[in-house]
């Protein structure tokens, strides 16, 4: 692509294409991509950037992986898509078998959808329909914690923090849910029952109207990249069981090895009634998400009126997406990803720690293949992004967070370039006094 073509591409993009969380009147700069391979994104001008975000946490195996490419090619020769209403196909069945084998044992039934947000919508609808099937018509609320993030669709926006979340302007429009304080315990903190006292109080006060509790296990992702104690999840599981409330785990960001366990709930050795997975499910190749639940939940829904679960996306169980997801899960079974994630964690802990002394930095924390530099105030994204590109890395900050979630295949040298750039750029941030 020559310089003229690149300028035309950027000009059209600026005038007509709406990017995530962007303005059409004052858009942030965009960087045209020509190709991507391994952990590197090649821009149209020839510059190569080491990807520190795995394309929003999805490309765990890197780009252009031969096994994933082959899975797409082989499936494409058979069919790209076929409706899932009244039909089935091998990729959907094979993927279902793998997911049931890999996820916590009580989760035995699967509903396919085409994005993480939709999988959470499905989970919430399952919870409501479960109680309707049991003739509990007053269970119309979801309980969650502040600082969480569960998606951008209508119901999921109502599960994000109504005060500090990115959807707070819709607060008066969205379904009203119940919020407990965010877990205050850090990952390694000794347990104190006070950490879950507000959650327990909310459940005790509102349990007759609560259909389910939803939470991101161990890591609160886009709502703040906070890591909390596994014991919180253990107590939450006990409390939900005691009060007969469904428990939903949103593992879309944390699933498939990102925290050092295949699923973050394994840190606590507990399982939910409903679980959502996505992002790294297909290795970043296709949009696909899954809502898993227990036989008890699915059979209760199916046993009530109208005898079916009332949801059905057009591209549900898309064969191309299911085929590449199967290949992605096979990669997790073929190499020691746990050892690799532990190595990434160790290196990021050592190399990000110097940022803690920087004037603009409030905290530095690492868990698994997640590294976070939290600043004292929100950063100027366009300005910081340009500095990272100049350093030859792709790190996409948001709010107060400069975070790394690199592909698991990253080399030690490549990771060092990411961490060095993160610390260097963090050191240039100045906030007005």
Protein backbone atom coordinates (compact mmCIF):
# COMPACT_ATOMS: atom_id res chain seq x y z
CA UNK A 1 0.00 0.00 0.00
CA UNK A 2 1.57 3.28 -1.11
CA UNK A 3 1.47 6.53 0.84
CA UNK A 4 -1.42 7.92 -1.22
CA UNK A 5 -3.53 4.80 -0.59
CA UNK A 6 -2.81 4.99 3.12
CA UNK A 7 -3.91 8.63 3.26
CA UNK A 8 -7.14 7.81 1.39
CA UNK A 9 -7.82 4.91 3.73
CA UNK A 10 -7.36 7.08 6.82
CA UNK A 11 -9.46 9.89 5.32
CA UNK A 12 -12.39 7.57 4.56
CA UNK A 13 -12.09 5.95 7.98
CA UNK A 14 -12.12 9.34 9.70
CA UNK A 15 -15.24 10.51 7.84
CA UNK A 16 -17.32 7.34 7.88
CA UNK A 17 -16.19 4.60 10.28
CA UNK A 18 -17.14 4.60 13.93
CA UNK A 19 -14.54 2.90 16.15
CA UNK A 20 -15.13 1.54 19.68
CA UNK A 21 -15.72 4.30 22.19
CA UNK A 22 -14.91 7.00 19.66
CA UNK A 23 -16.31 10.30 18.42
CA UNK A 24 -17.22 11.01 14.80
CA UNK A 25 -16.55 14.74 15.30
CA UNK A 26 -13.29 14.40 17.22
CA UNK A 27 -11.97 10.89 16.45
CA UNK A 28 -8.80 9.46 17.93
CA UNK A 29 -5.99 8.67 15.45
CA UNK A 30 -6.03 5.22 13.88
CA UNK A 31 -3.11 3.19 12.54
CA UNK A 32 -3.75 1.22 9.31
CA UNK A 33 -2.70 -2.43 9.58
CA UNK A 34 -1.36 -4.35 6.60
CA UNK A 35 -0.83 -7.74 8.24
CA UNK A 36 -0.12 -9.53 11.50
CA UNK A 37 2.01 -12.57 12.29
CA UNK A 38 3.09 -14.13 15.55
CA UNK A 39 3.07 -11.33 18.13
CA UNK A 40 3.67 -8.54 15.61
CA UNK A 41 1.28 -6.18 13.89
CA UNK A 42 2.67 -4.72 10.65
CA UNK A 43 1.35 -1.27 9.81
CA UNK A 44 0.71 -0.08 6.27
CA UNK A 45 3.81 2.11 6.41
CA UNK A 46 5.98 -0.94 7.16
CA UNK A 47 6.45 -0.33 10.89
CA UNK A 48 6.13 -3.44 13.08
CA UNK A 49 4.60 -3.29 16.55
CA UNK A 50 4.81 -5.96 19.25
CA UNK A 51 1.22 -6.56 20.34
CA UNK A 52 0.79 -6.16 24.08
CA UNK A 53 -3.00 -6.61 24.20
CA UNK A 54 -3.66 -9.78 22.15
CA UNK A 55 -6.25 -7.78 20.20
CA UNK A 56 -8.36 -7.09 23.27
CA UNK A 57 -7.26 -10.30 24.98
CA UNK A 58 -8.41 -12.69 22.24
CA UNK A 59 -5.32 -13.65 20.19
CA UNK A 60 -3.75 -15.83 22.89
CA UNK A 61 -1.85 -17.92 20.31
CA UNK A 62 -0.70 -14.92 18.28
CA UNK A 63 -1.60 -14.05 14.71
CA UNK A 64 -1.62 -16.21 11.59
CA UNK A 65 -1.13 -19.43 13.52
CA UNK A 66 -0.77 -22.30 11.00
CA UNK A 67 -3.04 -24.68 12.94
CA UNK A 68 -5.81 -22.12 13.20
CA UNK A 69 -5.37 -21.10 9.55
CA UNK A 70 -5.70 -24.72 8.48
CA UNK A 71 -8.84 -25.21 10.56
CA UNK A 72 -10.51 -22.28 8.77
CA UNK A 73 -9.37 -23.48 5.32
CA UNK A 74 -10.54 -27.06 5.82
CA UNK A 75 -13.93 -26.00 7.17
CA UNK A 76 -14.40 -23.45 4.39
CA UNK A 77 -14.19 -26.25 1.82
CA UNK A 78 -17.24 -27.87 3.45
CA UNK A 79 -19.41 -24.91 4.46
CA UNK A 80 -18.93 -21.47 5.93
CA UNK A 81 -22.31 -21.34 7.62
CA UNK A 82 -25.53 -23.23 8.09
CA UNK A 83 -28.41 -22.41 10.40
CA UNK A 84 -28.45 -24.16 13.77
CA UNK A 85 -32.24 -24.33 13.92
CA UNK A 86 -33.14 -27.94 13.18
CA UNK A 87 -29.62 -28.75 11.94
CA UNK A 88 -26.32 -29.63 13.60
CA UNK A 89 -22.76 -30.21 12.44
CA UNK A 90 -19.49 -31.77 13.51
CA UNK A 91 -17.61 -28.57 14.52
CA UNK A 92 -20.38 -27.59 16.97
CA UNK A 93 -20.48 -31.08 18.49
CA UNK A 94 -16.69 -31.40 18.73
CA UNK A 95 -16.39 -27.98 20.33
CA UNK A 96 -19.13 -28.84 22.80
CA UNK A 97 -17.32 -32.04 23.77
CA UNK A 98 -14.08 -30.13 24.37
CA UNK A 99 -15.75 -27.39 26.40
CA UNK A 100 -17.59 -29.84 28.65
CA UNK A 101 -14.33 -31.69 29.25
CA UNK A 102 -12.35 -28.51 30.03
CA UNK A 103 -14.83 -26.51 32.12
CA UNK A 104 -15.94 -27.29 35.71
CA UNK A 105 -17.78 -30.60 35.84
CA UNK A 106 -21.29 -29.39 36.76
CA UNK A 107 -21.48 -27.38 33.51
CA UNK A 108 -22.98 -29.80 31.01
CA UNK A 109 -25.17 -27.88 28.56
CA UNK A 110 -24.06 -25.28 26.02
CA UNK A 111 -25.65 -22.35 24.24
CA UNK A 112 -23.63 -20.79 21.40
CA UNK A 113 -23.78 -17.09 20.57
CA UNK A 114 -21.70 -14.63 18.56
CA UNK A 115 -20.16 -12.26 21.12
CA UNK A 116 -19.24 -12.00 24.77
CA UNK A 117 -21.91 -9.39 25.48
CA UNK A 118 -24.57 -11.61 23.95
CA UNK A 119 -23.40 -14.61 25.97
CA UNK A 120 -23.98 -12.55 29.12
CA UNK A 121 -27.40 -11.47 27.82
CA UNK A 122 -28.13 -15.18 27.35
CA UNK A 123 -26.94 -15.97 30.88
CA UNK A 124 -29.18 -13.27 32.36
CA UNK A 125 -32.16 -14.44 30.30
CA UNK A 126 -31.49 -18.02 31.43
CA UNK A 127 -31.56 -16.88 35.06
CA UNK A 128 -34.87 -15.05 34.64
CA UNK A 129 -36.47 -17.88 32.66
CA UNK A 130 -35.25 -20.42 35.24
CA UNK A 131 -37.20 -18.65 38.00
CA UNK A 132 -40.25 -18.11 35.78
CA UNK A 133 -40.24 -21.86 35.11
CA UNK A 134 -40.30 -22.37 38.89
CA UNK A 135 -43.17 -19.87 39.14
CA UNK A 136 -41.14 -17.27 41.04
CA UNK A 137 -42.25 -14.16 39.18
CA UNK A 138 -40.72 -11.65 41.60
CA UNK A 139 -37.10 -12.64 40.90
CA UNK A 140 -36.41 -9.82 38.47
CA UNK A 141 -33.08 -8.41 39.67
CA UNK A 142 -29.43 -9.28 39.14
CA UNK A 143 -26.93 -8.64 41.92
CA UNK A 144 -23.36 -7.77 41.02
CA UNK A 145 -20.41 -5.79 42.35
CA UNK A 146 -19.30 -2.27 41.55
CA UNK A 147 -16.35 -1.72 39.21
CA UNK A 148 -17.40 -4.68 37.09
CA UNK A 149 -17.83 -4.82 33.31
CA UNK A 150 -20.01 -7.30 31.45
CA UNK A 151 -20.55 -5.81 28.00
CA UNK A 152 -22.10 -3.05 25.92
CA UNK A 153 -25.51 -4.46 25.01
CA UNK A 154 -28.65 -3.35 26.82
CA UNK A 155 -28.91 -5.83 29.68
CA UNK A 156 -25.14 -6.02 30.14
CA UNK A 157 -24.82 -2.24 30.46
CA UNK A 158 -27.20 -2.52 33.40
CA UNK A 159 -24.68 -4.83 35.09
CA UNK A 160 -21.80 -2.35 34.84
CA UNK A 161 -21.08 0.13 37.62
CA UNK A 162 -23.92 2.71 37.49
CA UNK A 163 -21.78 5.45 39.04
CA UNK A 164 -18.21 4.97 37.85
CA UNK A 165 -18.81 2.68 34.87
CA UNK A 166 -18.56 3.69 31.23
CA UNK A 167 -22.35 3.40 30.77
CA UNK A 168 -23.41 5.63 33.67
CA UNK A 169 -25.15 8.15 31.38
CA UNK A 170 -27.79 5.46 30.60
CA UNK A 171 -28.48 4.80 34.27
CA UNK A 172 -32.07 6.07 34.20
CA UNK A 173 -32.88 4.06 31.07
CA UNK A 174 -31.36 0.69 31.93
CA UNK A 175 -32.96 -2.07 34.01
CA UNK A 176 -32.32 -1.35 37.67
CA UNK A 177 -30.17 -3.96 39.37
CA UNK A 178 -28.56 -4.32 42.79
CA UNK A 179 -24.90 -3.52 43.48
CA UNK A 180 -22.60 -4.55 46.31
CA UNK A 181 -19.24 -2.95 46.96
CA UNK A 182 -16.37 -4.29 44.87
CA UNK A 183 -14.13 -6.88 46.54
CA UNK A 184 -11.59 -4.94 48.63
CA UNK A 185 -9.30 -7.91 49.23
CA UNK A 186 -6.21 -8.25 47.05
CA UNK A 187 -5.37 -11.59 45.52
CA UNK A 188 -2.94 -12.66 48.27
CA UNK A 189 -4.61 -10.95 51.23
CA UNK A 190 -5.42 -13.07 54.31
CA UNK A 191 -9.16 -13.61 54.41
CA UNK A 192 -11.39 -11.46 56.56
CA UNK A 193 -15.16 -11.97 56.52
CA UNK A 194 -15.65 -8.21 56.34
CA UNK A 195 -14.52 -8.35 52.72
CA UNK A 196 -17.83 -9.94 51.73
CA UNK A 197 -20.06 -8.30 54.33
CA UNK A 198 -21.74 -5.89 51.91
CA UNK A 199 -22.45 -8.65 49.38
CA UNK A 200 -23.95 -10.76 52.17
CA UNK A 201 -26.02 -7.82 53.39
CA UNK A 202 -27.41 -7.17 49.90
CA UNK A 203 -28.33 -10.82 49.47
CA UNK A 204 -29.93 -11.00 52.90
CA UNK A 205 -31.95 -7.83 52.17
CA UNK A 206 -32.99 -8.58 48.58
CA UNK A 207 -32.79 -12.36 48.11
CA UNK A 208 -36.49 -12.71 47.36
CA UNK A 209 -36.06 -10.54 44.23
CA UNK A 210 -32.58 -11.69 43.11
CA UNK A 211 -32.51 -14.10 40.18
CA UNK A 212 -28.71 -14.41 40.05
CA UNK A 213 -25.40 -12.97 41.13
CA UNK A 214 -22.95 -12.28 38.30
CA UNK A 215 -19.25 -11.62 38.79
CA UNK A 216 -15.95 -11.70 36.92
CA UNK A 217 -13.93 -14.34 38.79
CA UNK A 218 -10.68 -13.13 40.42
CA UNK A 219 -10.11 -10.28 37.92
CA UNK A 220 -12.38 -7.30 37.34
CA UNK A 221 -11.42 -6.56 33.74
CA UNK A 222 -12.38 -3.43 31.82
CA UNK A 223 -13.91 -1.94 34.98
CA UNK A 224 -10.51 -1.50 36.58
CA UNK A 225 -8.20 -4.53 36.22
CA UNK A 226 -8.48 -5.35 39.92
CA UNK A 227 -7.37 -8.74 41.28
CA UNK A 228 -9.16 -10.12 44.34
CA UNK A 229 -8.90 -13.11 46.68
CA UNK A 230 -10.11 -16.55 45.59
CA UNK A 231 -11.66 -16.90 49.05
CA UNK A 232 -14.19 -14.23 48.06
CA UNK A 233 -15.45 -16.57 45.33
CA UNK A 234 -15.59 -19.50 47.75
CA UNK A 235 -17.73 -17.55 50.18
CA UNK A 236 -19.90 -16.20 47.37
CA UNK A 237 -20.56 -19.75 46.16
CA UNK A 238 -21.52 -20.81 49.69
CA UNK A 239 -23.82 -17.82 50.18
CA UNK A 240 -25.58 -18.26 46.82
CA UNK A 241 -26.15 -21.95 47.55
CA UNK A 242 -27.48 -21.13 51.03
CA UNK A 243 -29.97 -18.57 49.68
CA UNK A 244 -30.85 -20.60 46.53
CA UNK A 245 -29.61 -17.92 44.15
CA UNK A 246 -28.03 -18.70 40.78
CA UNK A 247 -24.35 -17.80 40.41
CA UNK A 248 -23.02 -16.64 37.03
CA UNK A 249 -19.29 -16.39 36.27
CA UNK A 250 -18.26 -14.08 33.43
CA UNK A 251 -15.02 -15.73 32.25
CA UNK A 252 -14.95 -13.97 28.88
CA UNK A 253 -11.72 -12.10 29.66
CA UNK A 254 -10.27 -14.46 32.28
CA UNK A 255 -10.91 -17.80 30.59
CA UNK A 256 -8.40 -19.92 28.68
CA UNK A 257 -5.29 -19.45 30.76
CA UNK A 258 -5.00 -15.69 31.18
CA UNK A 259 -4.80 -15.78 35.01
CA UNK A 260 -2.54 -18.85 35.20
CA UNK A 261 -5.46 -21.28 35.51
CA UNK A 262 -7.48 -22.48 32.53
CA UNK A 263 -10.45 -20.68 34.09
CA UNK A 264 -10.09 -18.10 36.84
CA UNK A 265 -12.68 -19.83 39.05
CA UNK A 266 -10.19 -22.70 39.41
CA UNK A 267 -8.15 -20.48 41.74
CA UNK A 268 -11.05 -20.87 44.19
CA UNK A 269 -11.94 -24.46 43.22
CA UNK A 270 -15.61 -23.57 42.82
CA UNK A 271 -18.02 -23.72 39.93
CA UNK A 272 -20.99 -21.54 38.94
CA UNK A 273 -24.48 -22.45 37.80
CA UNK A 274 -23.92 -20.54 34.54
CA UNK A 275 -20.63 -19.51 32.91
CA UNK A 276 -19.82 -17.29 29.92
CA UNK A 277 -16.68 -17.71 27.80
CA UNK A 278 -15.44 -15.99 24.64
CA UNK A 279 -12.49 -13.87 23.44
CA UNK A 280 -9.58 -16.40 23.37
CA UNK A 281 -12.04 -19.21 22.61
CA UNK A 282 -11.27 -18.92 18.87
CA UNK A 283 -7.76 -17.56 19.32
CA UNK A 284 -8.97 -14.20 18.03
CA UNK A 285 -10.00 -15.54 14.63
CA UNK A 286 -13.79 -15.43 14.68
CA UNK A 287 -16.43 -13.92 16.89
CA UNK A 288 -17.91 -16.69 19.05
CA UNK A 289 -19.01 -17.00 22.66
CA UNK A 290 -20.59 -19.69 24.79
CA UNK A 291 -22.94 -19.78 27.76
CA UNK A 292 -22.61 -23.03 29.70
CA UNK A 293 -24.95 -24.19 32.42
CA UNK A 294 -25.85 -27.20 34.54
CA UNK A 295 -28.39 -29.86 33.68
CA UNK A 296 -30.47 -28.61 36.59
CA UNK A 297 -30.77 -25.12 35.10
CA UNK A 298 -31.35 -26.23 31.51
CA UNK A 299 -33.86 -28.91 32.49
CA UNK A 300 -35.77 -26.51 34.75
CA UNK A 301 -36.03 -23.96 31.93
CA UNK A 302 -37.09 -26.66 29.46
CA UNK A 303 -39.65 -28.05 31.90
CA UNK A 304 -41.48 -24.74 32.33
CA UNK A 305 -43.60 -22.73 29.95
CA UNK A 306 -43.20 -22.49 26.97
CA UNK A 307 -40.95 -25.56 27.11
CA UNK A 308 -38.03 -23.98 25.22
CA UNK A 309 -35.32 -21.43 25.95
CA UNK A 310 -36.35 -18.24 24.16
CA UNK A 311 -33.21 -17.24 22.31
CA UNK A 312 -31.67 -18.05 18.91
CA UNK A 313 -28.99 -15.95 17.13
CA UNK A 314 -28.81 -16.24 13.34
CA UNK A 315 -25.11 -17.13 13.38
CA UNK A 316 -25.37 -19.40 16.39
CA UNK A 317 -22.73 -22.19 16.24
CA UNK A 318 -21.25 -20.85 12.99
CA UNK A 319 -19.21 -23.77 11.57
CA UNK A 320 -16.13 -21.68 10.73
CA UNK A 321 -16.04 -20.23 14.23
CA UNK A 322 -16.61 -23.61 15.88
CA UNK A 323 -13.90 -25.25 13.76
CA UNK A 324 -11.25 -22.67 14.62
CA UNK A 325 -12.34 -22.75 18.28
CA UNK A 326 -11.73 -26.51 18.31
CA UNK A 327 -8.24 -25.91 16.93
CA UNK A 328 -7.61 -23.18 19.50
CA UNK A 329 -8.59 -25.47 22.39
CA UNK A 330 -6.41 -28.24 20.94
CA UNK A 331 -3.44 -25.86 21.12
CA UNK A 332 -4.07 -25.43 24.84
CA UNK A 333 -3.91 -29.22 25.15
CA UNK A 334 -0.75 -29.59 23.06
CA UNK A 335 1.75 -27.39 24.87
CA UNK A 336 2.54 -26.34 28.43
CA UNK A 337 0.73 -23.03 28.42
CA UNK A 338 0.74 -22.96 32.25
CA UNK A 339 4.53 -22.86 32.30
CA UNK A 340 4.54 -20.13 29.67
CA UNK A 341 2.02 -17.98 31.57
CA UNK A 342 3.98 -18.40 34.81
CA UNK A 343 7.13 -17.30 32.95
CA UNK A 344 5.31 -14.23 31.59
CA UNK A 345 4.01 -13.44 35.07
CA UNK A 346 7.47 -13.69 36.65
CA UNK A 347 9.06 -11.48 34.00
CA UNK A 348 6.33 -8.82 34.16
CA UNK A 349 6.52 -8.68 37.96
CA UNK A 350 10.25 -7.98 37.77
CA UNK A 351 10.21 -5.59 34.84
CA UNK A 352 7.09 -3.54 35.64
CA UNK A 353 8.00 -3.02 39.30
CA UNK A 354 10.20 0.06 38.64
CA UNK A 355 7.06 1.90 37.49
CA UNK A 356 5.81 1.87 41.07
CA UNK A 357 8.22 4.71 41.94
CA UNK A 358 7.04 6.99 39.13
CA UNK A 359 5.15 10.15 40.17
CA UNK A 360 2.14 9.46 37.94
CA UNK A 361 1.72 5.83 39.02
CA UNK A 362 -0.70 4.72 41.74
CA UNK A 363 -0.14 0.96 41.60
CA UNK A 364 1.54 -1.88 39.72
CA UNK A 365 0.05 -5.38 39.78
CA UNK A 366 0.51 -8.63 37.88
CA UNK A 367 -1.45 -11.89 37.79
CA UNK A 368 -0.77 -14.58 35.23
CA UNK A 369 -0.35 -12.96 31.82
CA UNK A 370 -1.95 -9.70 32.98
CA UNK A 371 0.26 -6.76 33.88
CA UNK A 372 -1.18 -3.43 35.02
CA UNK A 373 0.30 0.01 35.61
CA UNK A 374 -2.46 2.12 37.17
CA UNK A 375 -1.97 5.88 36.96
CA UNK A 376 -3.26 8.44 39.46
CA UNK A 377 -5.52 10.08 36.87
CA UNK A 378 -6.88 9.08 33.44
CA UNK A 379 -4.29 9.30 30.66
CA UNK A 380 -4.66 11.10 27.33
CA UNK A 381 -5.12 8.11 25.07
CA UNK A 382 -4.07 9.64 21.73
CA UNK A 383 -0.91 11.13 23.22
CA UNK A 384 0.11 7.97 25.07
CA UNK A 385 -0.80 5.73 22.13
CA UNK A 386 1.50 7.70 19.80
CA UNK A 387 4.37 7.29 22.26
CA UNK A 388 3.87 3.54 22.41
CA UNK A 389 3.81 3.28 18.60
CA UNK A 390 7.04 5.28 18.48
CA UNK A 391 8.54 2.68 20.86
CA UNK A 392 7.48 -0.11 18.48
CA UNK A 393 4.74 -1.63 20.64
CA UNK A 394 0.96 -1.76 20.59
CA UNK A 395 -0.37 -1.00 24.07
CA UNK A 396 -3.87 0.44 24.21
CA UNK A 397 -4.49 2.22 27.54
CA UNK A 398 -7.90 3.17 28.85
CA UNK A 399 -8.84 5.37 31.76
CA UNK A 400 -6.13 5.07 34.38
CA UNK A 401 -4.88 1.74 33.10
CA UNK A 402 -1.79 0.91 31.06
CA UNK A 403 -2.08 -2.83 30.82
CA UNK A 404 -0.32 -5.75 29.13
CA UNK A 405 -2.09 -8.95 28.07
CA UNK A 406 0.38 -10.34 25.52
CA UNK A 407 -0.10 -13.46 23.40
CA UNK A 408 1.17 -16.54 25.22
CA UNK A 409 3.67 -17.25 22.44
CA UNK A 410 5.63 -14.04 23.14
CA UNK A 411 9.38 -14.45 23.60
CA UNK A 412 11.29 -13.13 26.60
CA UNK A 413 12.98 -10.47 24.45
CA UNK A 414 9.68 -9.34 22.93
CA UNK A 415 8.10 -9.14 26.36
CA UNK A 416 11.04 -7.09 27.62
CA UNK A 417 10.38 -4.55 24.86
CA UNK A 418 6.75 -4.30 25.98
CA UNK A 419 7.54 -3.86 29.67
CA UNK A 420 10.36 -1.38 28.94
CA UNK A 421 8.03 0.71 26.79
CA UNK A 422 5.27 0.60 29.41
CA UNK A 423 7.60 1.83 32.15
CA UNK A 424 9.29 4.42 29.91
CA UNK A 425 6.04 5.95 28.68
CA UNK A 426 4.49 5.87 32.16
CA UNK A 427 7.51 7.91 33.24
CA UNK A 428 6.62 10.68 30.77
CA UNK A 429 3.09 11.19 32.13
CA UNK A 430 2.53 14.46 33.96
CA UNK A 431 -0.70 15.51 35.62
CA UNK A 432 -1.57 19.11 36.42
CA UNK A 433 -1.15 19.98 40.10
